[in-house]
Structure formats: structure tokens, C-alpha cells
N, C-alpha and C. Protein backbone atom coordinates (compact mmCIF):
# COMPACT_ATOMS: atom_id res chain seq x y z
N MET A 1 127.55 -139.90 49.32
CA MET A 1 127.32 -139.40 50.46
C MET A 1 128.57 -137.99 50.77
N THR A 2 127.86 -136.69 51.21
CA THR A 2 129.01 -135.73 51.14
C THR A 2 129.32 -135.67 52.36
N GLY A 3 130.95 -135.75 52.61
CA GLY A 3 131.71 -135.65 54.17
C GLY A 3 131.02 -136.15 55.29
N THR A 4 131.77 -135.70 56.31
CA THR A 4 131.67 -136.17 57.88
C THR A 4 131.18 -134.93 58.34
N HIS A 5 129.77 -135.03 58.85
CA HIS A 5 129.42 -134.03 59.40
C HIS A 5 128.84 -134.36 60.94
N PRO A 6 128.52 -133.22 61.76
CA PRO A 6 127.83 -133.28 62.94
C PRO A 6 126.46 -133.90 62.55
N ARG A 7 126.12 -134.87 63.55
CA ARG A 7 124.90 -135.36 63.75
C ARG A 7 124.10 -135.21 64.61
N PRO A 8 122.82 -135.35 64.98
CA PRO A 8 121.94 -135.24 65.95
C PRO A 8 122.41 -135.54 67.20
N GLN A 9 122.41 -135.14 68.29
CA GLN A 9 122.91 -135.45 69.57
C GLN A 9 121.61 -135.55 70.75
N ASP A 10 121.94 -136.75 71.58
CA ASP A 10 120.83 -136.78 72.02
C ASP A 10 119.12 -137.02 71.96
N VAL A 11 119.18 -137.67 70.99
CA VAL A 11 118.01 -137.75 70.41
C VAL A 11 116.98 -138.69 71.07
N ALA A 12 115.74 -138.00 71.23
CA ALA A 12 114.79 -138.92 72.31
C ALA A 12 114.01 -139.49 71.50
N GLY A 13 113.62 -139.30 70.31
CA GLY A 13 112.61 -139.75 69.20
C GLY A 13 112.65 -139.43 67.91
N VAL A 14 111.90 -139.75 66.82
CA VAL A 14 111.89 -139.31 65.81
C VAL A 14 110.36 -139.34 65.12
N VAL A 15 110.11 -138.34 64.54
CA VAL A 15 108.75 -138.25 64.03
C VAL A 15 108.54 -138.04 62.75
N LEU A 16 108.04 -138.87 61.65
CA LEU A 16 107.80 -139.20 60.47
C LEU A 16 106.71 -138.71 59.88
N THR A 17 106.79 -137.97 58.86
CA THR A 17 105.62 -138.04 58.15
C THR A 17 105.63 -138.30 56.83
N PRO A 18 104.23 -138.68 55.96
CA PRO A 18 104.44 -139.26 54.84
C PRO A 18 104.50 -138.13 53.88
N GLY A 19 104.65 -138.76 52.49
CA GLY A 19 104.48 -137.85 51.38
C GLY A 19 103.21 -137.58 51.05
N ALA A 20 102.76 -136.84 50.09
CA ALA A 20 101.12 -135.97 49.88
C ALA A 20 100.01 -137.14 49.33
N GLY A 21 100.55 -138.31 48.75
CA GLY A 21 99.57 -138.94 48.36
C GLY A 21 99.52 -140.36 49.77
N ALA A 22 100.54 -140.41 50.43
CA ALA A 22 100.31 -141.41 51.44
C ALA A 22 99.88 -141.03 52.50
N ASP A 23 100.21 -141.97 53.52
CA ASP A 23 99.77 -141.85 54.92
C ASP A 23 100.87 -142.57 56.05
N ARG A 24 100.37 -142.46 57.18
CA ARG A 24 101.75 -142.83 58.22
C ARG A 24 101.69 -144.23 57.88
N ASP A 25 101.28 -144.91 57.00
CA ASP A 25 101.46 -146.41 57.10
C ASP A 25 102.34 -146.66 55.84
N HIS A 26 103.23 -145.71 55.38
CA HIS A 26 103.77 -145.78 54.34
C HIS A 26 104.96 -146.76 54.32
N ARG A 27 105.47 -147.90 53.29
CA ARG A 27 106.45 -148.90 53.89
C ARG A 27 107.61 -148.11 54.31
N THR A 28 108.19 -146.92 53.71
CA THR A 28 109.31 -146.89 54.15
C THR A 28 109.40 -146.23 55.79
N LEU A 29 108.45 -145.63 56.09
CA LEU A 29 108.08 -145.14 57.51
C LEU A 29 107.87 -146.44 58.36
N VAL A 30 107.14 -147.09 57.81
CA VAL A 30 106.99 -148.65 58.70
C VAL A 30 108.58 -149.13 59.00
N ALA A 31 109.28 -149.27 57.79
CA ALA A 31 110.65 -149.73 57.90
C ALA A 31 111.58 -148.96 58.90
N LEU A 32 111.51 -148.04 58.87
CA LEU A 32 112.04 -146.94 59.64
C LEU A 32 111.99 -147.02 61.01
N GLU A 33 110.60 -147.37 61.35
CA GLU A 33 110.39 -147.29 62.88
C GLU A 33 110.71 -148.60 63.16
N ALA A 34 110.74 -150.19 62.39
CA ALA A 34 111.29 -150.84 62.82
C ALA A 34 112.85 -151.11 63.23
N ALA A 35 113.64 -150.44 62.15
CA ALA A 35 114.89 -150.12 62.28
C ALA A 35 115.27 -149.41 63.52
N LEU A 36 114.81 -148.62 63.76
CA LEU A 36 115.09 -147.39 64.77
C LEU A 36 114.95 -147.89 66.12
N ALA A 37 113.86 -148.95 66.20
CA ALA A 37 113.85 -149.53 67.76
C ALA A 37 115.11 -149.84 68.42
N PRO A 38 115.17 -149.63 69.70
CA PRO A 38 113.85 -149.12 70.65
C PRO A 38 113.81 -147.73 70.79
N LEU A 39 114.46 -146.86 69.65
CA LEU A 39 114.03 -145.06 69.79
C LEU A 39 112.64 -145.11 69.32
N PRO A 40 112.00 -144.23 70.24
CA PRO A 40 110.51 -144.08 70.01
C PRO A 40 110.05 -143.37 68.37
N VAL A 41 109.50 -143.68 67.94
CA VAL A 41 108.96 -143.08 66.60
C VAL A 41 107.54 -142.86 66.53
N LEU A 42 107.45 -141.64 65.75
CA LEU A 42 105.95 -141.29 65.88
C LEU A 42 105.82 -141.19 64.21
N ARG A 43 105.00 -141.84 63.75
CA ARG A 43 104.43 -141.94 62.23
C ARG A 43 103.07 -141.26 62.33
N LEU A 44 103.01 -139.75 61.82
CA LEU A 44 101.99 -139.03 61.59
C LEU A 44 101.11 -138.91 60.29
N HIS A 45 99.90 -138.70 60.46
CA HIS A 45 98.97 -138.85 59.55
C HIS A 45 98.92 -136.99 59.20
N PHE A 46 98.91 -136.55 57.91
CA PHE A 46 98.36 -135.16 57.70
C PHE A 46 97.07 -134.61 58.18
N PRO A 47 96.30 -133.69 58.54
CA PRO A 47 94.97 -133.71 58.40
C PRO A 47 94.14 -134.03 57.07
N ASN A 48 94.71 -133.88 55.77
CA ASN A 48 94.17 -134.36 55.16
C ASN A 48 93.54 -135.85 54.93
N ARG A 49 94.61 -136.84 55.59
CA ARG A 49 94.38 -138.21 55.54
C ARG A 49 93.26 -138.41 56.65
N GLU A 50 93.35 -137.59 57.85
CA GLU A 50 92.57 -137.84 58.67
C GLU A 50 91.15 -137.44 58.43
N ARG A 51 90.72 -136.46 57.44
CA ARG A 51 89.62 -136.32 56.81
C ARG A 51 89.35 -137.17 55.67
N GLY A 52 89.88 -138.05 55.40
CA GLY A 52 89.89 -139.20 54.30
C GLY A 52 89.94 -138.60 52.89
N SER A 53 91.14 -137.30 52.68
CA SER A 53 91.14 -137.17 51.44
C SER A 53 92.52 -137.04 51.19
N ARG A 54 92.84 -137.63 49.76
CA ARG A 54 94.17 -137.66 49.20
C ARG A 54 94.92 -136.58 48.86
N ALA A 55 94.26 -135.58 48.85
CA ALA A 55 94.69 -134.05 48.14
C ALA A 55 95.53 -133.82 49.48
N PRO A 56 96.58 -133.11 49.08
CA PRO A 56 97.72 -132.45 50.58
C PRO A 56 96.96 -131.23 50.93
N ASP A 57 97.55 -131.21 52.15
CA ASP A 57 96.87 -129.66 52.82
C ASP A 57 97.80 -128.71 52.28
N ARG A 58 97.37 -127.49 52.61
CA ARG A 58 98.02 -126.40 52.24
C ARG A 58 99.39 -126.33 53.13
N PRO A 59 100.43 -125.92 52.78
CA PRO A 59 101.54 -125.71 53.95
C PRO A 59 101.02 -125.21 55.19
N GLU A 60 100.64 -124.32 55.39
CA GLU A 60 100.29 -123.53 56.73
C GLU A 60 99.54 -124.57 57.40
N VAL A 61 98.35 -125.35 56.75
CA VAL A 61 97.93 -126.43 57.56
C VAL A 61 98.49 -127.54 58.01
N ALA A 62 99.51 -127.72 57.22
CA ALA A 62 100.39 -129.04 57.55
C ALA A 62 101.29 -128.88 58.38
N VAL A 63 102.05 -127.82 58.29
CA VAL A 63 102.91 -127.36 59.18
C VAL A 63 102.21 -126.98 60.51
N ALA A 64 101.20 -126.61 60.75
CA ALA A 64 100.70 -126.26 62.06
C ALA A 64 100.32 -127.32 62.87
N HIS A 65 99.63 -128.47 61.93
CA HIS A 65 99.13 -129.72 62.60
C HIS A 65 100.54 -130.49 63.08
N LEU A 66 101.71 -130.32 62.11
CA LEU A 66 102.85 -131.01 62.80
C LEU A 66 103.60 -130.56 63.56
N ARG A 67 103.63 -129.20 63.76
CA ARG A 67 104.01 -128.60 64.90
C ARG A 67 103.15 -128.89 66.51
N GLU A 68 101.83 -128.91 66.32
CA GLU A 68 101.24 -129.40 67.39
C GLU A 68 101.45 -130.63 67.91
N ARG A 69 101.41 -131.58 66.87
CA ARG A 69 101.94 -133.01 67.36
C ARG A 69 102.79 -133.35 67.71
N VAL A 70 104.24 -132.71 67.25
CA VAL A 70 105.36 -132.61 67.90
C VAL A 70 105.69 -132.31 69.21
N GLU A 71 105.09 -131.04 69.47
CA GLU A 71 104.98 -130.85 71.16
C GLU A 71 104.11 -131.39 72.05
N ALA A 72 103.03 -132.10 71.53
CA ALA A 72 102.12 -132.98 72.25
C ALA A 72 103.07 -134.18 72.74
N TRP A 73 103.76 -134.80 71.83
CA TRP A 73 104.38 -136.20 71.83
C TRP A 73 105.80 -135.71 72.60
N ALA A 74 106.46 -134.41 72.55
CA ALA A 74 107.53 -134.48 73.41
C ALA A 74 107.20 -134.38 74.47
N ASP A 75 105.82 -133.56 75.08
CA ASP A 75 105.50 -133.65 76.46
C ASP A 75 104.83 -134.86 76.82
N GLU A 76 104.39 -135.98 76.01
CA GLU A 76 104.19 -137.35 76.27
C GLU A 76 105.56 -138.06 76.68
N LEU A 77 106.33 -137.67 75.99
CA LEU A 77 107.50 -138.41 76.28
C LEU A 77 108.44 -138.02 77.53
N GLY A 78 108.00 -136.74 78.15
CA GLY A 78 108.48 -135.78 78.85
C GLY A 78 109.86 -135.49 78.48
N VAL A 79 110.21 -134.80 77.56
CA VAL A 79 111.34 -134.44 76.82
C VAL A 79 111.13 -133.09 76.18
N PRO A 80 112.14 -132.20 75.84
CA PRO A 80 111.68 -130.87 75.26
C PRO A 80 111.93 -131.50 73.56
N ALA A 81 111.05 -130.68 72.72
CA ALA A 81 110.90 -131.06 71.34
C ALA A 81 112.36 -130.93 70.58
N ALA A 82 113.37 -130.05 71.12
CA ALA A 82 114.51 -130.00 70.78
C ALA A 82 115.33 -131.52 70.91
N ARG A 83 114.78 -132.36 71.21
CA ARG A 83 115.48 -133.71 71.35
C ARG A 83 114.98 -134.47 70.16
N LEU A 84 114.10 -134.35 69.65
CA LEU A 84 113.29 -134.83 68.47
C LEU A 84 113.85 -134.77 67.19
N VAL A 85 114.13 -135.76 66.20
CA VAL A 85 114.32 -135.58 64.96
C VAL A 85 113.09 -135.78 64.24
N LEU A 86 112.89 -134.52 63.38
CA LEU A 86 111.87 -134.49 62.36
C LEU A 86 112.08 -134.63 61.01
N GLY A 87 111.11 -135.13 60.22
CA GLY A 87 111.25 -135.81 58.78
C GLY A 87 110.34 -136.48 58.16
N GLY A 88 110.30 -136.66 56.96
CA GLY A 88 109.61 -137.72 56.41
C GLY A 88 110.04 -137.55 54.59
N ARG A 89 108.85 -138.38 54.04
CA ARG A 89 109.28 -138.41 52.71
C ARG A 89 108.66 -137.31 52.03
N SER A 90 109.23 -136.92 50.79
CA SER A 90 108.75 -135.89 49.90
C SER A 90 108.25 -134.84 50.66
N PHE A 91 106.86 -134.69 50.43
CA PHE A 91 105.73 -133.58 51.24
C PHE A 91 105.99 -133.82 52.76
N GLY A 92 106.23 -134.74 52.88
CA GLY A 92 106.28 -134.60 54.76
C GLY A 92 107.77 -134.11 55.17
N GLY A 93 108.80 -134.32 54.17
CA GLY A 93 109.91 -133.76 54.39
C GLY A 93 110.01 -132.43 54.58
N ARG A 94 109.56 -131.84 53.33
CA ARG A 94 109.39 -130.37 53.20
C ARG A 94 108.36 -129.76 54.16
N MET A 95 107.47 -130.49 54.64
CA MET A 95 106.70 -129.66 55.71
C MET A 95 107.31 -129.70 56.98
N SER A 96 108.24 -130.85 57.07
CA SER A 96 109.16 -130.70 58.45
C SER A 96 110.34 -129.47 58.47
N SER A 97 110.94 -129.46 56.84
CA SER A 97 111.65 -128.23 56.79
C SER A 97 111.42 -126.85 57.15
N LEU A 98 109.66 -127.06 56.68
CA LEU A 98 109.14 -125.52 57.01
C LEU A 98 109.19 -125.39 58.16
N ALA A 99 108.67 -126.28 59.01
CA ALA A 99 108.30 -126.29 60.26
C ALA A 99 109.81 -125.95 61.15
N VAL A 100 110.79 -126.33 61.13
CA VAL A 100 112.02 -126.15 61.63
C VAL A 100 112.32 -124.70 61.13
N ALA A 101 112.19 -124.32 59.98
CA ALA A 101 112.91 -123.02 59.39
C ALA A 101 111.80 -122.22 59.86
N GLN A 102 110.40 -122.26 60.46
CA GLN A 102 109.92 -121.36 61.15
C GLN A 102 110.20 -121.26 62.72
N GLY A 103 110.90 -122.33 63.44
CA GLY A 103 111.49 -122.05 64.62
C GLY A 103 110.80 -123.55 65.58
N GLN A 104 110.59 -124.24 64.79
CA GLN A 104 110.17 -125.41 65.30
C GLN A 104 111.41 -126.05 65.85
N PRO A 105 111.81 -126.37 67.23
CA PRO A 105 112.56 -126.87 68.06
C PRO A 105 112.81 -128.23 67.27
N ALA A 106 114.04 -128.75 67.03
CA ALA A 106 114.34 -130.39 66.56
C ALA A 106 115.79 -130.21 66.69
N ALA A 107 115.92 -131.54 66.94
CA ALA A 107 117.62 -132.24 67.39
C ALA A 107 118.26 -132.30 65.59
N GLY A 108 117.53 -132.66 64.56
CA GLY A 108 117.60 -132.67 63.44
C GLY A 108 116.34 -132.82 62.55
N LEU A 109 117.01 -133.19 61.27
CA LEU A 109 116.02 -133.12 60.13
C LEU A 109 116.24 -134.48 59.37
N LEU A 110 115.08 -135.17 58.80
CA LEU A 110 115.39 -136.02 57.70
C LEU A 110 114.66 -135.69 56.31
N LEU A 111 114.89 -135.48 55.77
CA LEU A 111 114.49 -135.27 54.22
C LEU A 111 114.62 -136.61 53.15
N LEU A 112 113.67 -137.51 53.36
CA LEU A 112 113.96 -138.29 52.34
C LEU A 112 113.07 -138.38 51.14
N SER A 113 113.83 -138.28 49.72
CA SER A 113 113.26 -137.94 48.77
C SER A 113 112.52 -136.41 48.57
N TYR A 114 113.63 -135.56 48.72
CA TYR A 114 113.07 -133.99 49.04
C TYR A 114 112.51 -133.73 47.65
N PRO A 115 110.95 -132.99 47.57
CA PRO A 115 110.75 -132.62 46.37
C PRO A 115 111.38 -131.45 46.18
N LEU A 116 112.59 -131.01 45.75
CA LEU A 116 113.01 -129.77 45.19
C LEU A 116 112.39 -128.85 44.31
N HIS A 117 111.51 -129.63 43.43
CA HIS A 117 110.88 -129.11 42.41
C HIS A 117 110.15 -130.12 41.79
N PRO A 118 108.78 -129.64 41.52
CA PRO A 118 107.97 -130.33 40.65
C PRO A 118 108.75 -130.97 39.40
N PRO A 119 108.44 -132.35 39.12
CA PRO A 119 109.07 -132.83 38.06
C PRO A 119 109.25 -132.37 36.69
N GLY A 120 110.16 -132.11 35.85
CA GLY A 120 109.98 -131.22 34.57
C GLY A 120 109.86 -129.72 34.82
N ARG A 121 110.08 -129.02 36.20
CA ARG A 121 109.90 -128.02 36.27
C ARG A 121 111.27 -127.40 37.32
N PRO A 122 112.50 -127.60 36.66
CA PRO A 122 113.53 -127.49 37.86
C PRO A 122 113.47 -125.73 38.10
N GLU A 123 112.85 -124.90 37.49
CA GLU A 123 112.79 -123.42 37.89
C GLU A 123 112.09 -123.26 38.99
N THR A 124 111.15 -124.24 39.31
CA THR A 124 110.14 -123.92 40.43
C THR A 124 110.78 -124.54 41.84
N LEU A 125 111.82 -124.10 42.44
CA LEU A 125 112.35 -124.55 43.61
C LEU A 125 111.63 -124.35 44.73
N ARG A 126 111.75 -125.07 45.55
CA ARG A 126 110.98 -124.99 47.20
C ARG A 126 112.47 -124.73 47.53
N THR A 127 112.70 -123.94 47.89
CA THR A 127 114.28 -123.66 48.81
C THR A 127 114.26 -122.23 49.31
N ALA A 128 113.28 -121.35 49.49
CA ALA A 128 113.61 -120.17 49.98
C ALA A 128 113.76 -120.21 51.44
N HIS A 129 113.28 -121.22 52.29
CA HIS A 129 113.42 -121.08 53.64
C HIS A 129 114.54 -121.99 54.10
N LEU A 130 115.34 -122.93 53.19
CA LEU A 130 116.26 -123.33 53.70
C LEU A 130 117.27 -122.91 54.31
N PRO A 131 117.78 -121.75 54.37
CA PRO A 131 118.89 -120.84 54.93
C PRO A 131 118.71 -120.98 56.42
N GLU A 132 117.46 -120.72 56.76
CA GLU A 132 116.61 -120.87 58.13
C GLU A 132 116.68 -121.85 58.94
N ILE A 133 117.29 -123.14 58.05
CA ILE A 133 117.49 -124.50 58.76
C ILE A 133 118.99 -124.34 59.83
N GLY A 134 118.80 -124.66 60.98
CA GLY A 134 120.37 -124.58 61.45
C GLY A 134 120.71 -125.80 62.27
N VAL A 135 119.66 -126.90 62.09
CA VAL A 135 120.15 -128.27 63.11
C VAL A 135 120.60 -129.30 61.93
N PRO A 136 121.13 -130.17 62.04
CA PRO A 136 121.78 -131.24 60.97
C PRO A 136 120.76 -131.82 60.46
N VAL A 137 121.07 -131.92 59.12
CA VAL A 137 120.22 -132.52 58.24
C VAL A 137 120.64 -133.67 57.22
N LEU A 138 119.70 -134.70 57.37
CA LEU A 138 120.07 -136.02 56.28
C LEU A 138 119.35 -136.01 55.34
N ALA A 139 119.85 -135.73 53.84
CA ALA A 139 118.99 -136.04 52.93
C ALA A 139 119.25 -137.43 52.25
N VAL A 140 118.39 -138.00 52.25
CA VAL A 140 118.35 -139.33 50.90
C VAL A 140 117.34 -139.20 49.67
N SER A 141 118.24 -139.43 48.86
CA SER A 141 117.27 -139.39 47.46
C SER A 141 117.54 -140.34 46.58
N GLY A 142 116.99 -140.67 45.90
CA GLY A 142 116.85 -141.50 44.69
C GLY A 142 117.88 -141.03 43.54
N ALA A 143 118.76 -141.83 42.96
CA ALA A 143 119.92 -141.42 41.98
C ALA A 143 118.89 -140.91 40.66
N ARG A 144 117.77 -141.15 40.51
CA ARG A 144 116.65 -140.86 39.01
C ARG A 144 115.54 -140.14 39.63
N ASP A 145 115.66 -139.43 40.70
CA ASP A 145 114.39 -138.72 41.21
C ASP A 145 114.13 -137.49 40.40
N PRO A 146 112.95 -137.63 39.59
CA PRO A 146 112.44 -136.38 39.20
C PRO A 146 112.39 -135.07 39.86
N PHE A 147 112.03 -135.02 41.21
CA PHE A 147 111.81 -134.26 41.62
C PHE A 147 113.52 -133.51 42.24
N GLY A 148 114.32 -133.93 41.71
CA GLY A 148 115.68 -133.14 42.01
C GLY A 148 117.14 -134.27 42.01
N THR A 149 117.73 -133.75 40.89
CA THR A 149 118.60 -134.85 40.51
C THR A 149 119.53 -134.97 41.85
N PRO A 150 120.53 -135.59 41.91
CA PRO A 150 121.70 -135.49 42.76
C PRO A 150 122.33 -134.11 42.79
N ASP A 151 122.91 -133.74 41.57
CA ASP A 151 123.83 -132.46 41.32
C ASP A 151 122.86 -131.30 41.69
N GLU A 152 121.53 -131.40 41.50
CA GLU A 152 120.58 -130.29 41.65
C GLU A 152 120.47 -130.04 43.50
N LEU A 153 120.37 -131.31 44.18
CA LEU A 153 119.81 -131.35 45.48
C LEU A 153 121.48 -130.96 46.28
N ALA A 154 122.54 -131.33 45.96
CA ALA A 154 123.68 -130.72 46.45
C ALA A 154 123.96 -129.39 46.12
N GLN A 155 123.58 -128.82 45.13
CA GLN A 155 123.62 -127.51 45.00
C GLN A 155 122.69 -126.76 45.82
N HIS A 156 121.36 -127.14 45.68
CA HIS A 156 120.28 -126.08 46.36
C HIS A 156 120.21 -126.46 47.96
N LEU A 157 120.58 -127.76 48.15
CA LEU A 157 120.37 -127.73 49.81
C LEU A 157 121.71 -127.49 50.72
N ALA A 158 122.97 -126.79 49.90
CA ALA A 158 123.84 -126.24 50.41
C ALA A 158 123.24 -125.28 50.93
N ALA A 159 122.19 -124.68 50.67
CA ALA A 159 121.77 -123.23 51.54
C ALA A 159 121.56 -123.39 52.59
N VAL A 160 121.28 -124.77 53.29
CA VAL A 160 120.98 -125.15 54.54
C VAL A 160 121.89 -124.72 55.54
N ALA A 161 121.61 -123.92 56.44
CA ALA A 161 122.42 -123.01 57.36
C ALA A 161 123.34 -124.16 58.45
N GLY A 162 122.63 -125.34 58.97
CA GLY A 162 123.21 -126.42 59.84
C GLY A 162 123.82 -127.52 58.78
N PRO A 163 124.52 -128.48 59.37
CA PRO A 163 125.66 -129.29 58.75
C PRO A 163 124.36 -130.18 58.03
N LEU A 164 125.11 -130.35 56.72
CA LEU A 164 124.02 -131.46 55.81
C LEU A 164 124.79 -132.64 55.28
N GLU A 165 124.28 -133.70 55.15
CA GLU A 165 124.64 -135.10 54.83
C GLU A 165 123.56 -135.32 53.77
N LEU A 166 124.36 -135.39 52.27
CA LEU A 166 123.23 -135.81 51.32
C LEU A 166 124.11 -137.44 50.87
N VAL A 167 122.93 -138.23 50.92
CA VAL A 167 123.03 -139.50 50.60
C VAL A 167 122.40 -139.95 49.36
N VAL A 168 122.68 -140.58 48.03
CA VAL A 168 122.42 -141.01 46.99
C VAL A 168 122.29 -142.40 46.68
N VAL A 169 121.02 -142.61 46.79
CA VAL A 169 120.75 -144.17 46.61
C VAL A 169 120.17 -144.44 45.12
N PRO A 170 120.34 -146.18 44.79
CA PRO A 170 119.79 -146.42 43.94
C PRO A 170 118.28 -146.13 43.78
N GLY A 171 117.74 -145.64 42.38
CA GLY A 171 116.36 -145.50 42.50
C GLY A 171 115.68 -144.50 41.84
N ASP A 172 114.32 -144.02 42.06
CA ASP A 172 113.75 -142.83 41.66
C ASP A 172 113.34 -142.04 42.87
N HIS A 173 112.15 -141.84 42.82
CA HIS A 173 111.27 -140.71 43.94
C HIS A 173 110.95 -141.67 45.42
N SER A 174 110.90 -143.13 44.93
CA SER A 174 110.59 -144.00 45.68
C SER A 174 111.50 -145.20 45.77
N PRO A 175 112.77 -144.80 46.24
CA PRO A 175 113.60 -146.09 46.10
C PRO A 175 113.54 -147.02 47.08
N ALA A 176 114.04 -148.07 46.98
CA ALA A 176 113.84 -149.10 47.95
C ALA A 176 114.20 -148.90 49.30
N ASP A 177 113.47 -149.48 50.19
CA ASP A 177 113.86 -149.09 51.57
C ASP A 177 115.34 -149.75 52.26
N PRO A 178 115.59 -151.07 51.76
CA PRO A 178 117.26 -150.98 52.64
C PRO A 178 117.82 -149.93 52.51
N PRO A 179 118.29 -149.60 51.30
CA PRO A 179 119.50 -148.48 51.27
C PRO A 179 118.92 -147.17 51.99
N VAL A 180 117.66 -146.69 52.04
CA VAL A 180 117.03 -145.47 52.75
C VAL A 180 117.32 -145.99 54.47
N VAL A 181 116.75 -147.04 55.00
CA VAL A 181 116.92 -147.49 56.12
C VAL A 181 118.36 -147.16 56.67
N ALA A 182 119.26 -147.85 55.97
CA ALA A 182 121.01 -148.06 56.13
C ALA A 182 121.32 -146.71 56.20
N ALA A 183 120.84 -145.52 55.19
CA ALA A 183 121.41 -144.13 55.65
C ALA A 183 120.76 -143.65 56.82
N VAL A 184 119.87 -143.74 56.99
CA VAL A 184 119.16 -143.37 58.45
C VAL A 184 119.96 -143.58 59.41
N THR A 185 119.74 -145.10 59.72
CA THR A 185 120.18 -145.77 60.83
C THR A 185 121.71 -145.25 61.04
N ALA A 186 122.61 -145.10 60.37
CA ALA A 186 123.77 -144.89 60.11
C ALA A 186 124.07 -143.62 60.91
N TRP A 187 123.30 -142.51 60.23
CA TRP A 187 122.96 -141.19 60.63
C TRP A 187 122.72 -140.84 62.11
N LEU A 188 121.95 -141.85 62.26
CA LEU A 188 121.18 -141.50 63.81
C LEU A 188 122.14 -142.56 64.94
N ARG A 189 122.75 -143.43 64.18
CA ARG A 189 123.63 -144.49 65.24
C ARG A 189 124.94 -144.75 64.61
N PRO A 190 125.82 -143.57 64.77
CA PRO A 190 127.04 -143.34 63.97
C PRO A 190 128.03 -144.70 64.77
């Protein structure tokens, strides 16, 4: 864990999105929803899953869908979107980070197993948008994640403009749920 940093304040709900090949019922998202109760949690599908496809959407499609659903859920809850934490696993966390970098209001950002680069291709970084993120960020990643080592994540996620906390847990790109849930609940409920 990197230092003590400001955390999201006055959180009214959490929006969780899945990795590219998964859906809203991914075990980690379900475990987080249960652990965060009674805090409202919205687990989302991306449009590809709603169409029955496993192939991920293009980022512009996924981000537009996410922004639309976040705004609708904020209206349903009767709160501004700036009181919601956005995030997800792998592709879902990346799409959430793109949405926030493009101006989507949020209280904070959860990056679970952030896909810093494709496995074996550390030169293909997915970081250009990170300096545009000014909200508190929690990144939780497996110590052996082929999408980004702990050292790579610490180096490149440092570009985030807002407060960043990086937690490394045992495992690879799909670490066990208990340490991930513990890190997220500690960050949201200090």
C-alpha cells in the first residue's frame, strides 16, 4: 500500500463494471456488492454483453454507455453523479478511468487489476489519459499480474493527478476476492 491518501468523501453509491470477457455477475463484483451493503452498488454489463457477445466494445462505445448509466442511476438515487465511485475489473476499470478523464463526475475511481499494458507488451501502455484524473483512486492488483507488475503500476499510475493508493495482493490478474474486498472496503470505509 502506498502511503495514506485522501479518500472519497460523501459517497452515495458505487458503480462496478466487469472485465472484457466477463459480465456484471463476475464473482469479484458480486463479492464487493455484498461487502459494501448497505451502500448502494450498481453492477453493469457493457453493451457487448447485452448483445450476447463476449468481444469487448470499442472504448468510445463502452465509455458512452457507462456515462449514460451513471447519470441515470445518479438521478434514480437523487444524488449528483459526483457522489458516486466508479470502477471495475480490468477493462471495466480502464473504461471507468477513461470516462472520469473525459469529465464524468465521480467521487473516486476503483481500478481492480488495471490492464496497464497487454501481457508481454509493456511498451503498449494505456496511460495517456491518467493525468486528467483528479479524483481519489484506489488501484488493487495481483503481485503476479501479467498486465502490469507492481513496479510498473507504481511508476505509471503516478501520472494520476488525484490522490492514488496502490494495494498489491497475492495472485495474478484474477486475485482471490477476500484481499481485494478488504482493500476496497478499507478505502471506502476508513
